[in-house]
Amino acid sequence: MTIRILEEDGLDGYLPTLISLDDHKIRVLEDIPLGIDHKEAIQDWIVRSRLLHSYIFAVQSERNELTAGICTTSGSEFLAIFDTEEGFKTQMIAKPEWWHLGG
């Protein structure tokens, strides 16, 4: 689903997205103040939402990169999505250094 959205809309302006595995609702974090790092904003949002072990997230982590992850009680997995000249490419990755919510 994320790749399809990126192919349609591109990576520029991608807003942090969260899907609760409990209710399957898709939430988009909008109106992030200038100067606030989206990687920190989505983690703060997850804590405030009390979804600590049952969600999927996606956030732009670098200029041409999006990081997605699934976090459950049995663990976490992370995926990098790169915007390349050949289109979007994916790669499984270790827990990002900036991620501080378990995993």
PDB file of N, CA and C in Angstrom:
ATOM      1  N   MET A   1       0.820  -1.184   0.000  1.00  0.00           N
ATOM      2  CA  MET A   1       0.000   0.000   0.000  1.00  0.00           C
ATOM      3  C   MET A   1       0.870   1.256   0.000  1.00  0.00           C
ATOM      4  N   THR A   2       1.912   1.292   0.823  1.00  0.00           N
ATOM      5  CA  THR A   2       2.782   2.461   0.901  1.00  0.00           C
ATOM      6  C   THR A   2       3.468   2.723  -0.428  1.00  0.00           C
ATOM      7  N   ILE A   3       3.966   1.673  -1.073  1.00  0.00           N
ATOM      8  CA  ILE A   3       4.636   1.833  -2.369  1.00  0.00           C
ATOM      9  C   ILE A   3       3.661   2.422  -3.389  1.00  0.00           C
ATOM     10  N   ARG A   4       2.440   1.943  -3.405  1.00  0.00           N
ATOM     11  CA  ARG A   4       1.437   2.460  -4.347  1.00  0.00           C
ATOM     12  C   ARG A   4       1.203   3.960  -4.124  1.00  0.00           C
ATOM     13  N   ILE A   5       1.107   4.379  -2.880  1.00  0.00           N
ATOM     14  CA  ILE A   5       0.916   5.796  -2.566  1.00  0.00           C
ATOM     15  C   ILE A   5       2.135   6.595  -3.006  1.00  0.00           C
ATOM     16  N   LEU A   6       3.332   6.074  -2.734  1.00  0.00           N
ATOM     17  CA  LEU A   6       4.552   6.768  -3.149  1.00  0.00           C
ATOM     18  C   LEU A   6       4.640   6.881  -4.664  1.00  0.00           C
ATOM     19  N   GLU A   7       4.252   5.837  -5.384  1.00  0.00           N
ATOM     20  CA  GLU A   7       4.282   5.884  -6.844  1.00  0.00           C
ATOM     21  C   GLU A   7       3.311   6.934  -7.384  1.00  0.00           C
ATOM     22  N   GLU A   8       2.192   7.113  -6.699  1.00  0.00           N
ATOM     23  CA  GLU A   8       1.197   8.098  -7.138  1.00  0.00           C
ATOM     24  C   GLU A   8       1.584   9.519  -6.737  1.00  0.00           C
ATOM     25  N   ASP A   9       2.044   9.700  -5.493  1.00  0.00           N
ATOM     26  CA  ASP A   9       2.243  11.040  -4.937  1.00  0.00           C
ATOM     27  C   ASP A   9       3.695  11.452  -4.771  1.00  0.00           C
ATOM     28  N   GLY A  10       4.620  10.496  -4.831  1.00  0.00           N
ATOM     29  CA  GLY A  10       6.026  10.808  -4.601  1.00  0.00           C
ATOM     30  C   GLY A  10       6.359  10.874  -3.117  1.00  0.00           C
ATOM     31  N   LEU A  11       7.641  10.977  -2.838  1.00  0.00           N
ATOM     32  CA  LEU A  11       8.124  10.975  -1.458  1.00  0.00           C
ATOM     33  C   LEU A  11       8.075  12.359  -0.808  1.00  0.00           C
ATOM     34  N   ASP A  12       8.242  13.409  -1.621  1.00  0.00           N
ATOM     35  CA  ASP A  12       8.208  14.767  -1.072  1.00  0.00           C
ATOM     36  C   ASP A  12       6.857  15.030  -0.418  1.00  0.00           C
ATOM     37  N   GLY A  13       6.902  15.485   0.808  1.00  0.00           N
ATOM     38  CA  GLY A  13       5.670  15.800   1.518  1.00  0.00           C
ATOM     39  C   GLY A  13       4.980  14.613   2.153  1.00  0.00           C
ATOM     40  N   TYR A  14       5.626  13.428   2.136  1.00  0.00           N
ATOM     41  CA  TYR A  14       5.014  12.249   2.760  1.00  0.00           C
ATOM     42  C   TYR A  14       4.843  12.518   4.254  1.00  0.00           C
ATOM     43  N   LEU A  15       3.655  12.301   4.756  1.00  0.00           N
ATOM     44  CA  LEU A  15       3.375  12.542   6.175  1.00  0.00           C
ATOM     45  C   LEU A  15       3.446  11.230   6.958  1.00  0.00           C
ATOM     46  N   PRO A  16       3.953  11.285   8.193  1.00  0.00           N
ATOM     47  CA  PRO A  16       4.017  10.075   9.018  1.00  0.00           C
ATOM     48  C   PRO A  16       2.644   9.406   9.097  1.00  0.00           C
ATOM     49  N   THR A  17       2.653   8.089   8.940  1.00  0.00           N
ATOM     50  CA  THR A  17       1.418   7.318   8.885  1.00  0.00           C
ATOM     51  C   THR A  17       1.485   6.182   9.891  1.00  0.00           C
ATOM     52  N   LEU A  18       0.351   5.912  10.534  1.00  0.00           N
ATOM     53  CA  LEU A  18       0.269   4.890  11.561  1.00  0.00           C
ATOM     54  C   LEU A  18      -0.991   4.068  11.343  1.00  0.00           C
ATOM     55  N   ILE A  19      -0.857   2.746  11.399  1.00  0.00           N
ATOM     56  CA  ILE A  19      -2.010   1.854  11.315  1.00  0.00           C
ATOM     57  C   ILE A  19      -2.041   1.024  12.592  1.00  0.00           C
ATOM     58  N   SER A  20      -3.127   1.125  13.321  1.00  0.00           N
ATOM     59  CA  SER A  20      -3.313   0.305  14.510  1.00  0.00           C
ATOM     60  C   SER A  20      -3.704  -1.102  14.080  1.00  0.00           C
ATOM     61  N   LEU A  21      -3.025  -2.104  14.620  1.00  0.00           N
ATOM     62  CA  LEU A  21      -3.389  -3.485  14.307  1.00  0.00           C
ATOM     63  C   LEU A  21      -4.615  -3.926  15.097  1.00  0.00           C
ATOM     64  N   ASP A  22      -5.020  -3.116  16.076  1.00  0.00           N
ATOM     65  CA  ASP A  22      -6.214  -3.439  16.858  1.00  0.00           C
ATOM     66  C   ASP A  22      -7.494  -3.090  16.107  1.00  0.00           C
ATOM     67  N   ASP A  23      -7.538  -1.880  15.520  1.00  0.00           N
ATOM     68  CA  ASP A  23      -8.765  -1.453  14.837  1.00  0.00           C
ATOM     69  C   ASP A  23      -8.576  -1.243  13.334  1.00  0.00           C
ATOM     70  N   HIS A  24      -7.352  -1.406  12.829  1.00  0.00           N
ATOM     71  CA  HIS A  24      -7.014  -1.297  11.408  1.00  0.00           C
ATOM     72  C   HIS A  24      -7.283   0.091  10.824  1.00  0.00           C
ATOM     73  N   LYS A  25      -7.371   1.097  11.686  1.00  0.00           N
ATOM     74  CA  LYS A  25      -7.562   2.466  11.205  1.00  0.00           C
ATOM     75  C   LYS A  25      -6.225   3.044  10.762  1.00  0.00           C
ATOM     76  N   ILE A  26      -6.271   3.761   9.643  1.00  0.00           N
ATOM     77  CA  ILE A  26      -5.093   4.461   9.131  1.00  0.00           C
ATOM     78  C   ILE A  26      -5.149   5.889   9.639  1.00  0.00           C
ATOM     79  N   ARG A  27      -4.052   6.321  10.258  1.00  0.00           N
ATOM     80  CA  ARG A  27      -3.979   7.676  10.789  1.00  0.00           C
ATOM     81  C   ARG A  27      -2.770   8.377  10.161  1.00  0.00           C
ATOM     82  N   VAL A  28      -2.965   9.615   9.762  1.00  0.00           N
ATOM     83  CA  VAL A  28      -1.894  10.415   9.180  1.00  0.00           C
ATOM     84  C   VAL A  28      -1.629  11.586  10.115  1.00  0.00           C
ATOM     85  N   LEU A  29      -0.372  11.764  10.487  1.00  0.00           N
ATOM     86  CA  LEU A  29       0.009  12.845  11.393  1.00  0.00           C
ATOM     87  C   LEU A  29       0.229  14.106  10.572  1.00  0.00           C
ATOM     88  N   GLU A  30      -0.701  15.031  10.703  1.00  0.00           N
ATOM     89  CA  GLU A  30      -0.644  16.278   9.942  1.00  0.00           C
ATOM     90  C   GLU A  30      -0.282  17.439  10.863  1.00  0.00           C
ATOM     91  N   ASP A  31      -0.016  18.578  10.263  1.00  0.00           N
ATOM     92  CA  ASP A  31       0.232  19.827  10.997  1.00  0.00           C
ATOM     93  C   ASP A  31       1.401  19.719  11.968  1.00  0.00           C
ATOM     94  N   ILE A  32       2.457  19.046  11.556  1.00  0.00           N
ATOM     95  CA  ILE A  32       3.665  18.981  12.379  1.00  0.00           C
ATOM     96  C   ILE A  32       4.349  20.346  12.290  1.00  0.00           C
ATOM     97  N   PRO A  33       4.624  20.970  13.422  1.00  0.00           N
ATOM     98  CA  PRO A  33       5.261  22.297  13.378  1.00  0.00           C
ATOM     99  C   PRO A  33       6.628  22.247  12.689  1.00  0.00           C
ATOM    100  N   LEU A  34       6.972  23.334  12.014  1.00  0.00           N
ATOM    101  CA  LEU A  34       8.290  23.439  11.383  1.00  0.00           C
ATOM    102  C   LEU A  34       9.373  23.207  12.421  1.00  0.00           C
ATOM    103  N   GLY A  35      10.411  22.522  12.027  1.00  0.00           N
ATOM    104  CA  GLY A  35      11.524  22.270  12.924  1.00  0.00           C
ATOM    105  C   GLY A  35      11.384  21.005  13.754  1.00  0.00           C
ATOM    106  N   ILE A  36      10.213  20.376  13.745  1.00  0.00           N
ATOM    107  CA  ILE A  36      10.005  19.131  14.495  1.00  0.00           C
ATOM    108  C   ILE A  36      10.347  17.961  13.575  1.00  0.00           C
ATOM    109  N   ASP A  37      11.241  17.110  14.009  1.00  0.00           N
ATOM    110  CA  ASP A  37      11.666  15.936  13.246  1.00  0.00           C
ATOM    111  C   ASP A  37      10.505  14.941  13.168  1.00  0.00           C
ATOM    112  N   HIS A  38      10.153  14.529  11.961  1.00  0.00           N
ATOM    113  CA  HIS A  38       9.040  13.600  11.779  1.00  0.00           C
ATOM    114  C   HIS A  38       9.299  12.252  12.444  1.00  0.00           C
ATOM    115  N   LYS A  39      10.552  11.836  12.502  1.00  0.00           N
ATOM    116  CA  LYS A  39      10.880  10.556  13.145  1.00  0.00           C
ATOM    117  C   LYS A  39      10.568  10.616  14.639  1.00  0.00           C
ATOM    118  N   GLU A  40      10.851  11.743  15.262  1.00  0.00           N
ATOM    119  CA  GLU A  40      10.529  11.918  16.680  1.00  0.00           C
ATOM    120  C   GLU A  40       9.027  12.107  16.862  1.00  0.00           C
ATOM    121  N   ALA A  41       8.408  12.853  15.947  1.00  0.00           N
ATOM    122  CA  ALA A  41       6.974  13.132  16.054  1.00  0.00           C
ATOM    123  C   ALA A  41       6.145  11.851  16.021  1.00  0.00           C
ATOM    124  N   ILE A  42       6.489  10.918  15.125  1.00  0.00           N
ATOM    125  CA  ILE A  42       5.682   9.693  15.044  1.00  0.00           C
ATOM    126  C   ILE A  42       5.868   8.833  16.292  1.00  0.00           C
ATOM    127  N   GLN A  43       7.066   8.812  16.842  1.00  0.00           N
ATOM    128  CA  GLN A  43       7.286   8.026  18.062  1.00  0.00           C
ATOM    129  C   GLN A  43       6.531   8.638  19.244  1.00  0.00           C
ATOM    130  N   ASP A  44       6.546   9.959  19.354  1.00  0.00           N
ATOM    131  CA  ASP A  44       5.772  10.632  20.408  1.00  0.00           C
ATOM    132  C   ASP A  44       4.287  10.336  20.238  1.00  0.00           C
ATOM    133  N   TRP A  45       3.828  10.345  18.989  1.00  0.00           N
ATOM    134  CA  TRP A  45       2.420  10.077  18.679  1.00  0.00           C
ATOM    135  C   TRP A  45       2.042   8.651  19.066  1.00  0.00           C
ATOM    136  N   ILE A  46       2.917   7.699  18.796  1.00  0.00           N
ATOM    137  CA  ILE A  46       2.659   6.306  19.166  1.00  0.00           C
ATOM    138  C   ILE A  46       2.530   6.165  20.680  1.00  0.00           C
ATOM    139  N   VAL A  47       3.418   6.805  21.412  1.00  0.00           N
ATOM    140  CA  VAL A  47       3.355   6.746  22.881  1.00  0.00           C
ATOM    141  C   VAL A  47       2.052   7.367  23.377  1.00  0.00           C
ATOM    142  N   ARG A  48       1.721   8.546  22.860  1.00  0.00           N
ATOM    143  CA  ARG A  48       0.477   9.216  23.294  1.00  0.00           C
ATOM    144  C   ARG A  48      -0.762   8.389  22.942  1.00  0.00           C
ATOM    145  N   SER A  49      -0.698   7.650  21.825  1.00  0.00           N
ATOM    146  CA  SER A  49      -1.832   6.832  21.383  1.00  0.00           C
ATOM    147  C   SER A  49      -1.912   5.493  22.111  1.00  0.00           C
ATOM    148  N   ARG A  50      -0.884   5.183  22.894  1.00  0.00           N
ATOM    149  CA  ARG A  50      -0.824   3.931  23.659  1.00  0.00           C
ATOM    150  C   ARG A  50      -0.877   2.694  22.760  1.00  0.00           C
ATOM    151  N   LEU A  51      -0.194   2.765  21.634  1.00  0.00           N
ATOM    152  CA  LEU A  51      -0.150   1.651  20.682  1.00  0.00           C
ATOM    153  C   LEU A  51       1.211   0.982  20.710  1.00  0.00           C
ATOM    154  N   LEU A  52       1.779   0.805  21.852  1.00  0.00           N
ATOM    155  CA  LEU A  52       3.174   0.421  21.957  1.00  0.00           C
ATOM    156  C   LEU A  52       3.549  -0.921  21.336  1.00  0.00           C
ATOM    157  N   HIS A  53       2.609  -1.826  21.102  1.00  0.00           N
ATOM    158  CA  HIS A  53       2.983  -3.136  20.566  1.00  0.00           C
ATOM    159  C   HIS A  53       2.007  -3.665  19.526  1.00  0.00           C
ATOM    160  N   SER A  54       1.336  -2.793  18.797  1.00  0.00           N
ATOM    161  CA  SER A  54       0.352  -3.302  17.842  1.00  0.00           C
ATOM    162  C   SER A  54       0.097  -2.298  16.713  1.00  0.00           C
ATOM    163  N   TYR A  55       1.143  -2.014  15.933  1.00  0.00           N
ATOM    164  CA  TYR A  55       0.976  -1.009  14.889  1.00  0.00           C
ATOM    165  C   TYR A  55       1.968  -1.209  13.747  1.00  0.00           C
ATOM    166  N   ILE A  56       1.631  -0.559  12.649  1.00  0.00           N
ATOM    167  CA  ILE A  56       2.511  -0.428  11.492  1.00  0.00           C
ATOM    168  C   ILE A  56       2.720   1.063  11.300  1.00  0.00           C
ATOM    169  N   PHE A  57       3.936   1.476  10.990  1.00  0.00           N
ATOM    170  CA  PHE A  57       4.188   2.897  10.781  1.00  0.00           C
ATOM    171  C   PHE A  57       5.023   3.098   9.520  1.00  0.00           C
ATOM    172  N   ALA A  58       4.981   4.317   9.006  1.00  0.00           N
ATOM    173  CA  ALA A  58       5.852   4.728   7.911  1.00  0.00           C
ATOM    174  C   ALA A  58       6.163   6.205   8.099  1.00  0.00           C
ATOM    175  N   VAL A  59       7.436   6.556   7.928  1.00  0.00           N
ATOM    176  CA  VAL A  59       7.865   7.943   8.110  1.00  0.00           C
ATOM    177  C   VAL A  59       9.048   8.216   7.184  1.00  0.00           C
ATOM    178  N   GLN A  60       9.090   9.421   6.630  1.00  0.00           N
ATOM    179  CA  GLN A  60      10.242   9.792   5.816  1.00  0.00           C
ATOM    180  C   GLN A  60      11.423   9.960   6.757  1.00  0.00           C
ATOM    181  N   SER A  61      12.460   9.156   6.535  1.00  0.00           N
ATOM    182  CA  SER A  61      13.598   9.146   7.455  1.00  0.00           C
ATOM    183  C   SER A  61      14.818   9.870   6.898  1.00  0.00           C
ATOM    184  N   GLU A  62      14.886  10.010   5.607  1.00  0.00           N
ATOM    185  CA  GLU A  62      15.950  10.748   4.919  1.00  0.00           C
ATOM    186  C   GLU A  62      15.335  11.397   3.685  1.00  0.00           C
ATOM    187  N   ARG A  63      16.123  12.202   2.996  1.00  0.00           N
ATOM    188  CA  ARG A  63      15.613  12.922   1.825  1.00  0.00           C
ATOM    189  C   ARG A  63      14.969  11.986   0.799  1.00  0.00           C
ATOM    190  N   ASN A  64      15.610  10.877   0.481  1.00  0.00           N
ATOM    191  CA  ASN A  64      15.089   9.935  -0.514  1.00  0.00           C
ATOM    192  C   ASN A  64      14.761   8.576   0.094  1.00  0.00           C
ATOM    193  N   GLU A  65      14.371   8.577   1.355  1.00  0.00           N
ATOM    194  CA  GLU A  65      14.143   7.298   2.040  1.00  0.00           C
ATOM    195  C   GLU A  65      12.972   7.389   3.004  1.00  0.00           C
ATOM    196  N   LEU A  66      12.201   6.323   3.014  1.00  0.00           N
ATOM    197  CA  LEU A  66      11.097   6.171   3.955  1.00  0.00           C
ATOM    198  C   LEU A  66      11.404   4.932   4.782  1.00  0.00           C
ATOM    199  N   THR A  67      11.135   4.981   6.067  1.00  0.00           N
ATOM    200  CA  THR A  67      11.279   3.801   6.913  1.00  0.00           C
ATOM    201  C   THR A  67       9.888   3.354   7.337  1.00  0.00           C
ATOM    202  N   ALA A  68       9.632   2.062   7.178  1.00  0.00           N
ATOM    203  CA  ALA A  68       8.368   1.472   7.614  1.00  0.00           C
ATOM    204  C   ALA A  68       8.689   0.384   8.618  1.00  0.00           C
ATOM    205  N   GLY A  69       7.753   0.133   9.501  1.00  0.00           N
ATOM    206  CA  GLY A  69       7.970  -0.920  10.482  1.00  0.00           C
ATOM    207  C   GLY A  69       6.660  -1.502  10.960  1.00  0.00           C
ATOM    208  N   ILE A  70       6.747  -2.719  11.446  1.00  0.00           N
ATOM    209  CA  ILE A  70       5.617  -3.360  12.102  1.00  0.00           C
ATOM    210  C   ILE A  70       6.094  -3.749  13.493  1.00  0.00           C
ATOM    211  N   CYS A  71       5.320  -3.378  14.487  1.00  0.00           N
ATOM    212  CA  CYS A  71       5.679  -3.652  15.877  1.00  0.00           C
ATOM    213  C   CYS A  71       4.531  -4.397  16.539  1.00  0.00           C
ATOM    214  N   THR A  72       4.845  -5.575  17.069  1.00  0.00           N
ATOM    215  CA  THR A  72       3.862  -6.406  17.759  1.00  0.00           C
ATOM    216  C   THR A  72       4.487  -6.917  19.051  1.00  0.00           C
ATOM    217  N   THR A  73       3.711  -7.634  19.824  1.00  0.00           N
ATOM    218  CA  THR A  73       4.234  -8.187  21.071  1.00  0.00           C
ATOM    219  C   THR A  73       5.332  -9.211  20.818  1.00  0.00           C
ATOM    220  N   SER A  74       5.377  -9.793  19.621  1.00  0.00           N
ATOM    221  CA  SER A  74       6.414 -10.787  19.324  1.00  0.00           C
ATOM    222  C   SER A  74       7.672 -10.174  18.715  1.00  0.00           C
ATOM    223  N   GLY A  75       7.697  -8.841  18.525  1.00  0.00           N
ATOM    224  CA  GLY A  75       8.895  -8.194  18.011  1.00  0.00           C
ATOM    225  C   GLY A  75       8.585  -7.145  16.960  1.00  0.00           C
ATOM    226  N   SER A  76       9.641  -6.649  16.355  1.00  0.00           N
ATOM    227  CA  SER A  76       9.512  -5.588  15.354  1.00  0.00           C
ATOM    228  C   SER A  76      10.354  -5.919  14.122  1.00  0.00           C
ATOM    229  N   GLU A  77       9.894  -5.457  12.969  1.00  0.00           N
ATOM    230  CA  GLU A  77      10.638  -5.573  11.721  1.00  0.00           C
ATOM    231  C   GLU A  77      10.613  -4.223  11.041  1.00  0.00           C
ATOM    232  N   PHE A  78      11.710  -3.878  10.364  1.00  0.00           N
ATOM    233  CA  PHE A  78      11.837  -2.576   9.727  1.00  0.00           C
ATOM    234  C   PHE A  78      12.226  -2.743   8.269  1.00  0.00           C
ATOM    235  N   LEU A  79      11.769  -1.810   7.450  1.00  0.00           N
ATOM    236  CA  LEU A  79      11.982  -1.834   6.014  1.00  0.00           C
ATOM    237  C   LEU A  79      12.328  -0.417   5.560  1.00  0.00           C
ATOM    238  N   ALA A  80      13.346  -0.289   4.735  1.00  0.00           N
ATOM    239  CA  ALA A  80      13.668   0.996   4.114  1.00  0.00           C
ATOM    240  C   ALA A  80      13.122   0.974   2.697  1.00  0.00           C
ATOM    241  N   ILE A  81      12.521   2.080   2.303  1.00  0.00           N
ATOM    242  CA  ILE A  81      12.020   2.247   0.945  1.00  0.00           C
ATOM    243  C   ILE A  81      12.785   3.413   0.345  1.00  0.00           C
ATOM    244  N   PHE A  82      13.541   3.130  -0.717  1.00  0.00           N
ATOM    245  CA  PHE A  82      14.401   4.133  -1.341  1.00  0.00           C
ATOM    246  C   PHE A  82      13.786   4.626  -2.642  1.00  0.00           C
ATOM    247  N   ASP A  83      13.848   5.932  -2.863  1.00  0.00           N
ATOM    248  CA  ASP A  83      13.419   6.535  -4.117  1.00  0.00           C
ATOM    249  C   ASP A  83      14.636   6.594  -5.030  1.00  0.00           C
ATOM    250  N   THR A  84      14.644   5.757  -6.074  1.00  0.00           N
ATOM    251  CA  THR A  84      15.777   5.694  -6.991  1.00  0.00           C
ATOM    252  C   THR A  84      15.327   6.102  -8.393  1.00  0.00           C
ATOM    253  N   GLU A  85      16.288   6.270  -9.281  1.00  0.00           N
ATOM    254  CA  GLU A  85      15.957   6.606 -10.668  1.00  0.00           C
ATOM    255  C   GLU A  85      15.149   5.500 -11.339  1.00  0.00           C
ATOM    256  N   GLU A  86      15.283   4.270 -10.842  1.00  0.00           N
ATOM    257  CA  GLU A  86      14.550   3.130 -11.396  1.00  0.00           C
ATOM    258  C   GLU A  86      13.213   2.905 -10.698  1.00  0.00           C
ATOM    259  N   GLY A  87      12.858   3.760  -9.775  1.00  0.00           N
ATOM    260  CA  GLY A  87      11.621   3.596  -9.018  1.00  0.00           C
ATOM    261  C   GLY A  87      11.923   3.296  -7.561  1.00  0.00           C
ATOM    262  N   PHE A  88      10.916   2.915  -6.824  1.00  0.00           N
ATOM    263  CA  PHE A  88      11.082   2.647  -5.397  1.00  0.00           C
ATOM    264  C   PHE A  88      11.610   1.237  -5.178  1.00  0.00           C
ATOM    265  N   LYS A  89      12.633   1.131  -4.337  1.00  0.00           N
ATOM    266  CA  LYS A  89      13.258  -0.150  -3.988  1.00  0.00           C
ATOM    267  C   LYS A  89      13.132  -0.340  -2.476  1.00  0.00           C
ATOM    268  N   THR A  90      13.001  -1.575  -2.052  1.00  0.00           N
ATOM    269  CA  THR A  90      12.868  -1.872  -0.630  1.00  0.00           C
ATOM    270  C   THR A  90      14.009  -2.747  -0.140  1.00  0.00           C
ATOM    271  N   GLN A  91      14.282  -2.625   1.146  1.00  0.00           N
ATOM    272  CA  GLN A  91      15.316  -3.450   1.774  1.00  0.00           C
ATOM    273  C   GLN A  91      14.999  -3.594   3.257  1.00  0.00           C
ATOM    274  N   MET A  92      15.013  -4.829   3.736  1.00  0.00           N
ATOM    275  CA  MET A  92      14.861  -5.060   5.176  1.00  0.00           C
ATOM    276  C   MET A  92      16.079  -4.473   5.882  1.00  0.00           C
ATOM    277  N   ILE A  93      15.854  -3.846   7.028  1.00  0.00           N
ATOM    278  CA  ILE A  93      16.944  -3.219   7.779  1.00  0.00           C
ATOM    279  C   ILE A  93      16.846  -3.580   9.248  1.00  0.00           C
ATOM    280  N   ALA A  94      17.941  -3.364   9.962  1.00  0.00           N
ATOM    281  CA  ALA A  94      17.944  -3.508  11.414  1.00  0.00           C
ATOM    282  C   ALA A  94      17.199  -2.320  12.018  1.00  0.00           C
ATOM    283  N   LYS A  95      16.918  -2.393  13.288  1.00  0.00           N
ATOM    284  CA  LYS A  95      16.263  -1.283  13.978  1.00  0.00           C
ATOM    285  C   LYS A  95      17.068  -0.007  13.745  1.00  0.00           C
ATOM    286  N   PRO A  96      16.433   1.043  13.228  1.00  0.00           N
ATOM    287  CA  PRO A  96      17.165   2.292  12.987  1.00  0.00           C
ATOM    288  C   PRO A  96      17.695   2.890  14.294  1.00  0.00           C
ATOM    289  N   GLU A  97      18.835   3.545  14.213  1.00  0.00           N
ATOM    290  CA  GLU A  97      19.421   4.162  15.407  1.00  0.00           C
ATOM    291  C   GLU A  97      18.499   5.187  16.037  1.00  0.00           C
ATOM    292  N   TRP A  98      17.707   5.871  15.245  1.00  0.00           N
ATOM    293  CA  TRP A  98      16.814   6.908  15.754  1.00  0.00           C
ATOM    294  C   TRP A  98      15.558   6.343  16.417  1.00  0.00           C
ATOM    295  N   TRP A  99      15.276   5.059  16.228  1.00  0.00           N
ATOM    296  CA  TRP A  99      14.064   4.442  16.777  1.00  0.00           C
ATOM    297  C   TRP A  99      14.300   4.083  18.251  1.00  0.00           C
ATOM    298  N   HIS A 100      13.541   4.673  19.145  1.00  0.00           N
ATOM    299  CA  HIS A 100      13.761   4.418  20.577  1.00  0.00           C
ATOM    300  C   HIS A 100      12.587   3.715  21.268  1.00  0.00           C
ATOM    301  N   LEU A 101      11.665   3.130  20.492  1.00  0.00           N
ATOM    302  CA  LEU A 101      10.513   2.437  21.075  1.00  0.00           C
ATOM    303  C   LEU A 101      10.666   0.925  20.975  1.00  0.00           C
ATOM    304  N   GLY A 102      11.545   0.335  21.640  1.00  0.00           N
ATOM    305  CA  GLY A 102      11.659  -1.122  21.594  1.00  0.00           C
ATOM    306  C   GLY A 102      11.982  -1.631  20.213  1.00  0.00           C
ATOM    307  N   GLY A 103      11.881  -2.919  20.034  1.00  0.00           N
ATOM    308  CA  GLY A 103      12.150  -3.503  18.729  1.00  0.00           C
ATOM    309  C   GLY A 103      13.453  -4.200  18.743  1.00  0.00           C
TER     310      GLY A 103
END
